[in-house]
PDB file of N, CA and C in Angstrom:
ATOM      1  N   MET A   1     -80.052  32.600 -18.283  1.00  0.00           N
ATOM      2  CA  MET A   1     -80.671  34.154 -18.242  1.00  0.00           C
ATOM      3  C   MET A   1     -80.082  34.586 -19.731  1.00  0.00           C
ATOM      4  N   LYS A   2     -81.227  34.614 -20.261  1.00  0.00           N
ATOM      5  CA  LYS A   2     -80.883  35.155 -21.833  1.00  0.00           C
ATOM      6  C   LYS A   2     -80.596  36.744 -21.579  1.00  0.00           C
ATOM      7  N   ARG A   3     -79.776  37.418 -22.524  1.00  0.00           N
ATOM      8  CA  ARG A   3     -79.382  38.760 -22.411  1.00  0.00           C
ATOM      9  C   ARG A   3     -78.686  39.102 -24.060  1.00  0.00           C
ATOM     10  N   SER A   4     -78.583  40.525 -24.715  1.00  0.00           N
ATOM     11  CA  SER A   4     -78.040  40.753 -24.773  1.00  0.00           C
ATOM     12  C   SER A   4     -77.632  42.509 -24.771  1.00  0.00           C
ATOM     13  N   TYR A   5     -76.445  42.791 -25.509  1.00  0.00           N
ATOM     14  CA  TYR A   5     -76.363  43.995 -25.173  1.00  0.00           C
ATOM     15  C   TYR A   5     -76.056  44.978 -26.578  1.00  0.00           C
ATOM     16  N   CYS A   6     -75.687  46.247 -26.390  1.00  0.00           N
ATOM     17  CA  CYS A   6     -75.340  47.165 -27.668  1.00  0.00           C
ATOM     18  C   CYS A   6     -75.271  48.725 -27.269  1.00  0.00           C
ATOM     19  N   GLY A   7     -73.748  49.103 -27.670  1.00  0.00           N
ATOM     20  CA  GLY A   7     -73.852  50.460 -27.270  1.00  0.00           C
ATOM     21  C   GLY A   7     -72.951  50.851 -26.255  1.00  0.00           C
ATOM     22  N   SER A   8     -72.483  52.009 -25.782  1.00  0.00           N
ATOM     23  CA  SER A   8     -71.316  52.378 -24.840  1.00  0.00           C
ATOM     24  C   SER A   8     -71.582  53.825 -24.201  1.00  0.00           C
ATOM     25  N   PHE A   9     -71.112  53.668 -23.036  1.00  0.00           N
ATOM     26  CA  PHE A   9     -71.244  54.435 -22.215  1.00  0.00           C
ATOM     27  C   PHE A   9     -70.873  55.710 -22.273  1.00  0.00           C
ATOM     28  N   ALA A  10     -69.966  55.932 -23.230  1.00  0.00           N
ATOM     29  CA  ALA A  10     -69.231  57.421 -24.048  1.00  0.00           C
ATOM     30  C   ALA A  10     -70.662  58.248 -24.362  1.00  0.00           C
ATOM     31  N   SER A  11     -69.867  59.829 -23.944  1.00  0.00           N
ATOM     32  CA  SER A  11     -70.982  60.542 -24.257  1.00  0.00           C
ATOM     33  C   SER A  11     -71.195  60.934 -25.664  1.00  0.00           C
ATOM     34  N   CYS A  12     -72.609  61.444 -25.625  1.00  0.00           N
ATOM     35  CA  CYS A  12     -73.312  61.086 -26.555  1.00  0.00           C
ATOM     36  C   CYS A  12     -73.529  60.124 -27.519  1.00  0.00           C
ATOM     37  N   ASP A  13     -74.225  58.500 -26.512  1.00  0.00           N
ATOM     38  CA  ASP A  13     -73.763  57.418 -26.933  1.00  0.00           C
ATOM     39  C   ASP A  13     -75.495  57.031 -26.211  1.00  0.00           C
ATOM     40  N   CYS A  14     -75.373  55.584 -26.309  1.00  0.00           N
ATOM     41  CA  CYS A  14     -76.018  55.133 -25.075  1.00  0.00           C
ATOM     42  C   CYS A  14     -75.595  53.292 -24.887  1.00  0.00           C
ATOM     43  N   PHE A  15     -76.506  52.666 -23.926  1.00  0.00           N
ATOM     44  CA  PHE A  15     -76.318  51.582 -24.013  1.00  0.00           C
ATOM     45  C   PHE A  15     -77.043  50.883 -23.929  1.00  0.00           C
ATOM     46  N   VAL A  16     -77.337  49.728 -24.463  1.00  0.00           N
ATOM     47  CA  VAL A  16     -78.860  48.978 -24.487  1.00  0.00           C
ATOM     48  C   VAL A  16     -78.917  47.664 -23.417  1.00  0.00           C
ATOM     49  N   GLU A  17     -79.585  46.999 -22.816  1.00  0.00           N
ATOM     50  CA  GLU A  17     -79.732  45.988 -22.376  1.00  0.00           C
ATOM     51  C   GLU A  17     -80.715  45.434 -22.185  1.00  0.00           C
ATOM     52  N   ILE A  18     -80.972  43.919 -22.647  1.00  0.00           N
ATOM     53  CA  ILE A  18     -82.104  43.600 -22.729  1.00  0.00           C
ATOM     54  C   ILE A  18     -82.228  42.058 -22.018  1.00  0.00           C
ATOM     55  N   THR A  19     -82.447  41.840 -21.321  1.00  0.00           N
ATOM     56  CA  THR A  19     -83.590  40.522 -20.813  1.00  0.00           C
ATOM     57  C   THR A  19     -84.367  39.709 -20.284  1.00  0.00           C
ATOM     58  N   GLU A  20     -84.775  38.608 -20.312  1.00  0.00           N
ATOM     59  CA  GLU A  20     -85.737  37.659 -20.331  1.00  0.00           C
ATOM     60  C   GLU A  20     -86.402  38.753 -19.314  1.00  0.00           C
ATOM     61  N   ALA A  21     -87.793  38.557 -19.263  1.00  0.00           N
ATOM     62  CA  ALA A  21     -89.116  38.434 -17.783  1.00  0.00           C
ATOM     63  C   ALA A  21     -90.404  38.549 -18.269  1.00  0.00           C
ATOM     64  N   SER A  22     -90.667  38.867 -17.692  1.00  0.00           N
ATOM     65  CA  SER A  22     -92.390  38.291 -17.246  1.00  0.00           C
ATOM     66  C   SER A  22     -93.786  38.539 -18.479  1.00  0.00           C
ATOM     67  N   THR A  23     -92.982  40.545 -18.416  1.00  0.00           N
ATOM     68  CA  THR A  23     -93.792  41.101 -19.590  1.00  0.00           C
ATOM     69  C   THR A  23     -93.016  42.291 -19.928  1.00  0.00           C
ATOM     70  N   CYS A  24     -93.450  42.948 -20.943  1.00  0.00           N
ATOM     71  CA  CYS A  24     -92.807  43.701 -21.930  1.00  0.00           C
ATOM     72  C   CYS A  24     -92.663  45.113 -20.737  1.00  0.00           C
ATOM     73  N   THR A  25     -91.424  45.285 -20.576  1.00  0.00           N
ATOM     74  CA  THR A  25     -90.920  46.405 -19.711  1.00  0.00           C
ATOM     75  C   THR A  25     -89.757  47.472 -20.543  1.00  0.00           C
ATOM     76  N   TYR A  26     -89.865  47.878 -19.983  1.00  0.00           N
ATOM     77  CA  TYR A  26     -88.006  49.196 -20.426  1.00  0.00           C
ATOM     78  C   TYR A  26     -88.046  50.117 -19.163  1.00  0.00           C
ATOM     79  N   THR A  27     -86.718  50.654 -18.980  1.00  0.00           N
ATOM     80  CA  THR A  27     -86.618  51.737 -17.903  1.00  0.00           C
ATOM     81  C   THR A  27     -85.105  52.138 -18.694  1.00  0.00           C
ATOM     82  N   ILE A  28     -85.425  53.626 -18.568  1.00  0.00           N
ATOM     83  CA  ILE A  28     -84.886  55.338 -19.080  1.00  0.00           C
ATOM     84  C   ILE A  28     -83.829  55.326 -18.124  1.00  0.00           C
ATOM     85  N   ASP A  29     -83.104  55.547 -18.140  1.00  0.00           N
ATOM     86  CA  ASP A  29     -81.290  56.188 -17.218  1.00  0.00           C
ATOM     87  C   ASP A  29     -80.948  57.053 -18.533  1.00  0.00           C
ATOM     88  N   SER A  30     -81.798  58.442 -18.213  1.00  0.00           N
ATOM     89  CA  SER A  30     -80.322  59.368 -19.407  1.00  0.00           C
ATOM     90  C   SER A  30     -80.588  60.585 -19.056  1.00  0.00           C
ATOM     91  N   VAL A  31     -79.363  61.328 -18.758  1.00  0.00           N
ATOM     92  CA  VAL A  31     -78.978  62.967 -18.385  1.00  0.00           C
ATOM     93  C   VAL A  31     -79.465  63.755 -19.193  1.00  0.00           C
ATOM     94  N   VAL A  32     -80.118  63.195 -20.077  1.00  0.00           N
ATOM     95  CA  VAL A  32     -81.040  64.422 -20.610  1.00  0.00           C
ATOM     96  C   VAL A  32     -82.297  64.111 -20.487  1.00  0.00           C
ATOM     97  N   ASP A  33     -82.703  63.288 -19.441  1.00  0.00           N
ATOM     98  CA  ASP A  33     -84.267  62.958 -19.405  1.00  0.00           C
ATOM     99  C   ASP A  33     -85.723  63.891 -19.005  1.00  0.00           C
ATOM    100  N   VAL A  34     -84.892  64.644 -18.292  1.00  0.00           N
ATOM    101  CA  VAL A  34     -86.008  66.097 -17.800  1.00  0.00           C
ATOM    102  C   VAL A  34     -86.594  66.860 -19.205  1.00  0.00           C
ATOM    103  N   PHE A  35     -85.823  66.841 -20.100  1.00  0.00           N
ATOM    104  CA  PHE A  35     -85.933  67.406 -21.496  1.00  0.00           C
ATOM    105  C   PHE A  35     -86.368  66.529 -22.703  1.00  0.00           C
ATOM    106  N   PHE A  36     -85.683  65.375 -22.714  1.00  0.00           N
ATOM    107  CA  PHE A  36     -86.184  64.134 -23.516  1.00  0.00           C
ATOM    108  C   PHE A  36     -86.972  63.013 -23.502  1.00  0.00           C
ATOM    109  N   HIS A  37     -87.462  62.951 -22.147  1.00  0.00           N
ATOM    110  CA  HIS A  37     -87.759  61.383 -21.630  1.00  0.00           C
ATOM    111  C   HIS A  37     -88.929  60.629 -22.730  1.00  0.00           C
ATOM    112  N   ASP A  38     -89.674  61.736 -22.832  1.00  0.00           N
ATOM    113  CA  ASP A  38     -90.817  61.320 -24.163  1.00  0.00           C
ATOM    114  C   ASP A  38     -90.699  61.317 -25.567  1.00  0.00           C
ATOM    115  N   GLN A  39     -88.946  62.334 -25.628  1.00  0.00           N
ATOM    116  CA  GLN A  39     -89.135  61.298 -26.514  1.00  0.00           C
ATOM    117  C   GLN A  39     -88.377  60.319 -26.851  1.00  0.00           C
ATOM    118  N   ILE A  40     -87.382  59.458 -25.963  1.00  0.00           N
ATOM    119  CA  ILE A  40     -86.691  58.671 -25.908  1.00  0.00           C
ATOM    120  C   ILE A  40     -87.510  57.609 -25.585  1.00  0.00           C
ATOM    121  N   GLU A  41     -88.531  57.533 -25.264  1.00  0.00           N
ATOM    122  CA  GLU A  41     -89.594  56.372 -25.210  1.00  0.00           C
ATOM    123  C   GLU A  41     -90.643  56.174 -25.964  1.00  0.00           C
ATOM    124  N   GLN A  42     -90.786  57.295 -26.626  1.00  0.00           N
ATOM    125  CA  GLN A  42     -91.138  57.022 -27.744  1.00  0.00           C
ATOM    126  C   GLN A  42     -90.655  55.908 -28.767  1.00  0.00           C
ATOM    127  N   VAL A  43     -89.182  56.454 -29.432  1.00  0.00           N
ATOM    128  CA  VAL A  43     -88.546  55.466 -29.900  1.00  0.00           C
ATOM    129  C   VAL A  43     -88.537  54.019 -29.182  1.00  0.00           C
ATOM    130  N   ILE A  44     -88.060  53.914 -28.043  1.00  0.00           N
ATOM    131  CA  ILE A  44     -88.417  52.600 -27.810  1.00  0.00           C
ATOM    132  C   ILE A  44     -89.753  51.727 -28.109  1.00  0.00           C
ATOM    133  N   VAL A  45     -90.935  52.388 -27.666  1.00  0.00           N
ATOM    134  CA  VAL A  45     -91.787  51.839 -28.127  1.00  0.00           C
ATOM    135  C   VAL A  45     -92.039  51.776 -29.536  1.00  0.00           C
ATOM    136  N   ASN A  46     -91.754  52.441 -30.642  1.00  0.00           N
ATOM    137  CA  ASN A  46     -91.523  52.213 -31.554  1.00  0.00           C
ATOM    138  C   ASN A  46     -91.094  51.376 -31.922  1.00  0.00           C
ATOM    139  N   VAL A  47     -89.753  51.357 -31.992  1.00  0.00           N
ATOM    140  CA  VAL A  47     -88.836  49.812 -31.868  1.00  0.00           C
ATOM    141  C   VAL A  47     -90.125  48.656 -31.764  1.00  0.00           C
ATOM    142  N   LEU A  48     -89.888  48.993 -30.318  1.00  0.00           N
ATOM    143  CA  LEU A  48     -90.760  47.229 -29.641  1.00  0.00           C
ATOM    144  C   LEU A  48     -91.884  47.129 -30.338  1.00  0.00           C
ATOM    145  N   HIS A  49     -92.564  47.848 -30.964  1.00  0.00           N
ATOM    146  CA  HIS A  49     -93.893  47.390 -31.498  1.00  0.00           C
ATOM    147  C   HIS A  49     -93.789  46.527 -33.212  1.00  0.00           C
ATOM    148  N   GLU A  50     -92.730  47.417 -33.582  1.00  0.00           N
ATOM    149  CA  GLU A  50     -92.212  46.733 -34.260  1.00  0.00           C
ATOM    150  C   GLU A  50     -91.490  45.154 -34.880  1.00  0.00           C
ATOM    151  N   PHE A  51     -90.608  45.327 -33.700  1.00  0.00           N
ATOM    152  CA  PHE A  51     -89.876  43.551 -33.364  1.00  0.00           C
ATOM    153  C   PHE A  51     -91.655  42.989 -32.464  1.00  0.00           C
ATOM    154  N   ASN A  52     -92.542  43.183 -32.645  1.00  0.00           N
ATOM    155  CA  ASN A  52     -93.706  42.111 -31.613  1.00  0.00           C
ATOM    156  C   ASN A  52     -92.707  41.668 -30.267  1.00  0.00           C
ATOM    157  N   HIS A  53     -92.752  42.352 -29.531  1.00  0.00           N
ATOM    158  CA  HIS A  53     -91.872  42.571 -28.529  1.00  0.00           C
ATOM    159  C   HIS A  53     -92.432  41.423 -27.654  1.00  0.00           C
ATOM    160  N   PRO A  54     -92.086  40.219 -26.951  1.00  0.00           N
ATOM    161  CA  PRO A  54     -92.976  39.225 -25.894  1.00  0.00           C
ATOM    162  C   PRO A  54     -92.107  39.784 -24.783  1.00  0.00           C
ATOM    163  N   LEU A  55     -91.589  38.444 -24.198  1.00  0.00           N
ATOM    164  CA  LEU A  55     -91.421  38.727 -22.646  1.00  0.00           C
ATOM    165  C   LEU A  55     -89.955  39.414 -22.581  1.00  0.00           C
ATOM    166  N   ILE A  56     -89.705  40.545 -22.163  1.00  0.00           N
ATOM    167  CA  ILE A  56     -88.469  41.271 -22.326  1.00  0.00           C
ATOM    168  C   ILE A  56     -88.121  42.299 -21.689  1.00  0.00           C
ATOM    169  N   HIS A  57     -87.266  42.620 -20.796  1.00  0.00           N
ATOM    170  CA  HIS A  57     -86.946  43.953 -20.622  1.00  0.00           C
ATOM    171  C   HIS A  57     -85.648  44.863 -21.176  1.00  0.00           C
ATOM    172  N   VAL A  58     -86.066  46.061 -21.644  1.00  0.00           N
ATOM    173  CA  VAL A  58     -85.112  46.373 -22.467  1.00  0.00           C
ATOM    174  C   VAL A  58     -84.281  47.666 -20.523  1.00  0.00           C
ATOM    175  N   LYS A  59     -83.523  47.991 -20.604  1.00  0.00           N
ATOM    176  CA  LYS A  59     -82.679  48.954 -19.754  1.00  0.00           C
ATOM    177  C   LYS A  59     -81.564  49.461 -20.863  1.00  0.00           C
ATOM    178  N   LEU A  60     -82.233  50.828 -21.258  1.00  0.00           N
ATOM    179  CA  LEU A  60     -81.111  52.105 -21.799  1.00  0.00           C
ATOM    180  C   LEU A  60     -80.797  53.396 -20.649  1.00  0.00           C
ATOM    181  N   THR A  61     -79.435  53.048 -20.863  1.00  0.00           N
ATOM    182  CA  THR A  61     -79.000  54.272 -20.095  1.00  0.00           C
ATOM    183  C   THR A  61     -78.704  55.003 -20.846  1.00  0.00           C
ATOM    184  N   ASP A  62     -78.793  56.220 -21.577  1.00  0.00           N
ATOM    185  CA  ASP A  62     -78.671  57.136 -22.331  1.00  0.00           C
ATOM    186  C   ASP A  62     -77.641  58.207 -21.713  1.00  0.00           C
ATOM    187  N   LYS A  63     -76.297  58.328 -22.565  1.00  0.00           N
ATOM    188  CA  LYS A  63     -75.842  60.057 -22.431  1.00  0.00           C
ATOM    189  C   LYS A  63     -75.618  60.759 -23.384  1.00  0.00           C
ATOM    190  N   GLY A  64     -76.700  61.179 -23.937  1.00  0.00           N
ATOM    191  CA  GLY A  64     -77.138  62.642 -24.858  1.00  0.00           C
ATOM    192  C   GLY A  64     -77.338  61.520 -25.744  1.00  0.00           C
ATOM    193  N   ALA A  65     -77.454  60.713 -26.443  1.00  0.00           N
ATOM    194  CA  ALA A  65     -77.515  60.034 -28.025  1.00  0.00           C
ATOM    195  C   ALA A  65     -78.803  61.158 -28.638  1.00  0.00           C
ATOM    196  N   PHE A  66     -78.354  60.973 -29.628  1.00  0.00           N
ATOM    197  CA  PHE A  66     -79.783  61.174 -30.831  1.00  0.00           C
ATOM    198  C   PHE A  66     -80.767  60.060 -30.978  1.00  0.00           C
ATOM    199  N   ASP A  67     -81.892  60.526 -31.134  1.00  0.00           N
ATOM    200  CA  ASP A  67     -82.850  59.307 -31.798  1.00  0.00           C
ATOM    201  C   ASP A  67     -82.178  57.856 -32.240  1.00  0.00           C
ATOM    202  N   TYR A  68     -81.860  58.556 -33.706  1.00  0.00           N
ATOM    203  CA  TYR A  68     -81.350  57.586 -34.575  1.00  0.00           C
ATOM    204  C   TYR A  68     -80.604  56.416 -33.868  1.00  0.00           C
ATOM    205  N   SER A  69     -79.321  56.874 -32.867  1.00  0.00           N
ATOM    206  CA  SER A  69     -78.670  56.319 -32.215  1.00  0.00           C
ATOM    207  C   SER A  69     -78.965  55.077 -31.416  1.00  0.00           C
ATOM    208  N   ILE A  70     -80.540  55.578 -30.077  1.00  0.00           N
ATOM    209  CA  ILE A  70     -81.089  54.862 -29.619  1.00  0.00           C
ATOM    210  C   ILE A  70     -81.470  53.599 -30.451  1.00  0.00           C
ATOM    211  N   GLU A  71     -82.415  54.455 -31.419  1.00  0.00           N
ATOM    212  CA  GLU A  71     -82.996  53.152 -32.281  1.00  0.00           C
ATOM    213  C   GLU A  71     -82.274  52.396 -32.684  1.00  0.00           C
ATOM    214  N   ALA A  72     -80.787  52.818 -33.642  1.00  0.00           N
ATOM    215  CA  ALA A  72     -79.850  51.211 -34.155  1.00  0.00           C
ATOM    216  C   ALA A  72     -79.246  51.030 -32.793  1.00  0.00           C
ATOM    217  N   ARG A  73     -79.158  51.417 -31.774  1.00  0.00           N
ATOM    218  CA  ARG A  73     -78.476  50.045 -30.771  1.00  0.00           C
ATOM    219  C   ARG A  73     -79.377  49.338 -30.563  1.00  0.00           C
ATOM    220  N   LEU A  74     -80.929  49.944 -30.107  1.00  0.00           N
ATOM    221  CA  LEU A  74     -82.088  48.574 -29.791  1.00  0.00           C
ATOM    222  C   LEU A  74     -82.666  48.167 -30.558  1.00  0.00           C
ATOM    223  N   ARG A  75     -82.317  47.961 -31.672  1.00  0.00           N
ATOM    224  CA  ARG A  75     -82.387  46.963 -32.979  1.00  0.00           C
ATOM    225  C   ARG A  75     -81.490  46.513 -33.122  1.00  0.00           C
ATOM    226  N   THR A  76     -80.269  46.448 -32.867  1.00  0.00           N
ATOM    227  CA  THR A  76     -79.027  45.479 -32.969  1.00  0.00           C
ATOM    228  C   THR A  76     -79.429  44.794 -31.975  1.00  0.00           C
ATOM    229  N   ALA A  77     -79.531  44.954 -30.926  1.00  0.00           N
ATOM    230  CA  ALA A  77     -79.399  44.330 -29.747  1.00  0.00           C
ATOM    231  C   ALA A  77     -81.161  43.642 -29.379  1.00  0.00           C
ATOM    232  N   LEU A  78     -81.796  43.804 -29.695  1.00  0.00           N
ATOM    233  CA  LEU A  78     -83.155  43.369 -30.240  1.00  0.00           C
ATOM    234  C   LEU A  78     -82.757  41.998 -31.324  1.00  0.00           C
ATOM    235  N   GLU A  79     -82.075  42.082 -32.342  1.00  0.00           N
ATOM    236  CA  GLU A  79     -81.943  41.224 -32.999  1.00  0.00           C
ATOM    237  C   GLU A  79     -80.657  39.940 -32.971  1.00  0.00           C
ATOM    238  N   ARG A  80     -79.783  40.867 -31.809  1.00  0.00           N
ATOM    239  CA  ARG A  80     -79.173  39.916 -30.901  1.00  0.00           C
ATOM    240  C   ARG A  80     -79.800  39.427 -29.708  1.00  0.00           C
ATOM    241  N   TYR A  81     -80.581  39.778 -29.669  1.00  0.00           N
ATOM    242  CA  TYR A  81     -81.394  38.349 -28.476  1.00  0.00           C
ATOM    243  C   TYR A  81     -82.528  37.797 -29.326  1.00  0.00           C
ATOM    244  N   TYR A  82     -82.595  37.751 -29.992  1.00  0.00           N
ATOM    245  CA  TYR A  82     -83.550  36.909 -31.077  1.00  0.00           C
ATOM    246  C   TYR A  82     -82.693  36.005 -32.186  1.00  0.00           C
ATOM    247  N   HIS A  83     -81.859  36.162 -32.383  1.00  0.00           N
ATOM    248  CA  HIS A  83     -80.940  35.467 -33.261  1.00  0.00           C
ATOM    249  C   HIS A  83     -78.992  34.928 -32.416  1.00  0.00           C
ATOM    250  N   GLU A  84     -79.412  34.990 -31.648  1.00  0.00           N
ATOM    251  CA  GLU A  84     -78.285  34.162 -30.762  1.00  0.00           C
ATOM    252  C   GLU A  84     -78.562  32.952 -30.885  1.00  0.00           C
ATOM    253  N   THR A  85     -77.362  32.407 -30.619  1.00  0.00           N
ATOM    254  CA  THR A  85     -77.646  30.851 -31.126  1.00  0.00           C
ATOM    255  C   THR A  85     -76.936  29.759 -29.465  1.00  0.00           C
TER     256      THR A  85
END
């Protein structure tokens, strides 16, 4: 199974894991989910839309990262996933 990762589980960071899937899905596990779920979700959807995401599952484990960190980690994981040799 094809996979890629980016990030860490450190405070104020996030860890992104991308795996093959039958449809495009994502899960969010965040310590600030109650307050920022919609905002985190919007960052994920925007980035996936840009990459024309076919059949992947994104698992985001967030430890309070800012939007730009989530976006950067997700973009890096996607680049690794699609350009892995």
